[in-house]
Protein backbone atom coordinates (compact mmCIF):
# COMPACT_ATOMS: atom_id res chain seq x y z
CA MET A 1 -17.17 -3.38 -21.34
CA GLN A 2 -14.37 -0.91 -20.12
CA ILE A 3 -16.27 -0.30 -16.92
CA ASP A 4 -16.59 -3.58 -16.00
CA TYR A 5 -13.10 -3.61 -16.32
CA LYS A 6 -12.30 -0.84 -13.84
CA LEU A 7 -14.69 -2.44 -11.46
CA ALA A 8 -13.22 -5.80 -11.54
CA ALA A 9 -9.73 -4.03 -10.86
CA MET A 10 -11.16 -2.14 -7.80
CA LEU A 11 -12.85 -4.93 -6.61
CA GLY A 12 -9.51 -7.23 -7.02
CA LYS A 13 -7.57 -4.70 -5.18
CA ALA A 14 -10.00 -4.55 -2.05
CA ALA A 15 -10.13 -8.19 -2.01
CA GLU A 16 -6.30 -8.47 -1.91
CA ILE A 17 -5.88 -5.74 0.89
CA GLY A 18 -8.71 -7.52 3.01
CA ALA A 19 -6.75 -10.72 2.55
CA ILE A 20 -3.46 -9.38 3.93
CA LYS A 21 -5.27 -7.44 6.93
CA ALA A 22 -6.95 -11.21 8.04
CA LEU A 23 -3.51 -12.78 7.18
CA THR A 24 -1.91 -10.05 9.23
CA HIS A 25 -4.81 -10.35 11.76
CA VAL A 26 -4.00 -13.91 12.69
CA GLY A 27 -0.15 -13.85 12.45
CA HIS A 28 0.35 -15.17 8.98
CA LEU A 29 2.07 -12.18 7.64
CA LYS A 30 4.29 -9.36 9.89
CA PRO A 31 2.26 -6.25 10.41
CA TYR A 32 5.29 -4.41 9.25
CA ILE A 33 7.19 -4.32 6.11
CA SER A 34 10.73 -2.49 6.48
CA MET A 35 11.76 0.62 4.53
CA SER A 36 13.87 -0.64 2.01
CA GLU A 37 10.95 -3.23 0.84
CA ALA A 38 8.66 -0.26 0.59
CA GLY A 39 11.43 1.86 -1.35
CA ARG A 40 11.42 -1.41 -3.68
CA ARG A 41 7.79 -1.53 -4.55
CA ALA A 42 6.84 2.09 -4.65
CA GLY A 43 9.64 4.04 -5.03
CA LYS A 44 11.78 5.83 -1.88
CA THR A 45 10.38 9.02 -2.64
CA GLN A 46 7.07 8.35 -3.02
CA VAL A 47 7.44 6.23 0.51
CA LYS A 48 9.21 9.44 1.99
CA LYS A 49 6.03 11.76 0.38
CA TRP A 50 3.50 9.30 2.19
CA MET A 51 5.31 9.51 5.42
CA ASP A 52 5.75 13.50 5.50
CA SER A 53 1.96 13.86 4.54
CA GLY A 54 0.57 11.58 7.37
CA GLN A 55 -0.82 9.09 4.78
CA LEU A 56 1.31 6.13 5.83
CA LYS A 57 1.30 4.85 9.21
CA PHE A 58 5.03 4.13 10.44
CA GLU A 59 7.19 3.53 13.34
CA GLN A 60 10.39 4.71 13.86
CA SER A 61 13.03 3.37 16.49
CA ASP A 62 14.51 5.22 19.63
CA SER A 63 17.68 5.16 17.39
CA PHE A 64 15.94 6.59 14.34
CA ARG A 65 17.32 3.75 12.06
CA THR A 66 15.05 1.46 12.06
CA ILE A 67 11.91 2.38 10.39
CA ARG A 68 9.02 -0.14 10.41
CA ILE A 69 5.97 0.50 8.27
CA ASP A 70 2.67 -0.39 8.51
CA ARG A 71 1.87 -3.59 6.02
CA VAL A 72 -2.02 -2.77 5.22
CA SER A 73 -1.40 1.13 5.35
CA PHE A 74 1.21 0.59 2.33
CA GLU A 75 -0.15 -1.93 0.52
CA SER A 76 -3.62 0.13 0.38
CA LEU A 77 -1.59 3.71 -0.54
CA ASN A 78 0.52 1.43 -3.10
CA SER A 79 -2.35 -0.25 -4.41
CA GLY A 80 -4.45 3.02 -5.33
CA VAL A 81 -1.61 4.41 -6.89
CA GLU A 82 -1.59 1.13 -9.11
CA LEU A 83 -5.18 1.47 -10.08
CA ILE A 84 -4.66 4.96 -11.13
CA LYS A 85 -1.76 4.29 -13.36
CA HIS A 86 -3.96 1.93 -15.19
CA ILE A 87 -7.27 3.29 -14.86
CA ASP A 88 -8.55 6.19 -16.58
CA ILE A 89 -10.94 7.51 -14.10
CA ASN A 90 -12.06 10.40 -17.18
CA GLY A 91 -13.49 7.41 -18.65
CA ASN A 92 -11.65 7.54 -21.84
């Protein structure tokens, strides 16, 4: 059934984000990713839109050269976009 697939996809992404959050909390993953990594994965334009809108948590160094993007924040936003691309929310 189509609804089962959609639910499974959402639950899978939620579990993935939960695992990333747990691994970050215990120190097995760095809490931040670079701007270049985020840009490769989601597109630099999309990442900048998220930053400008306040949806994406990030830190900028004093020299404004280094941007560190919060890993969990990025994964949450990027997973949402991936789900929307693959799941028709109108039920078709």
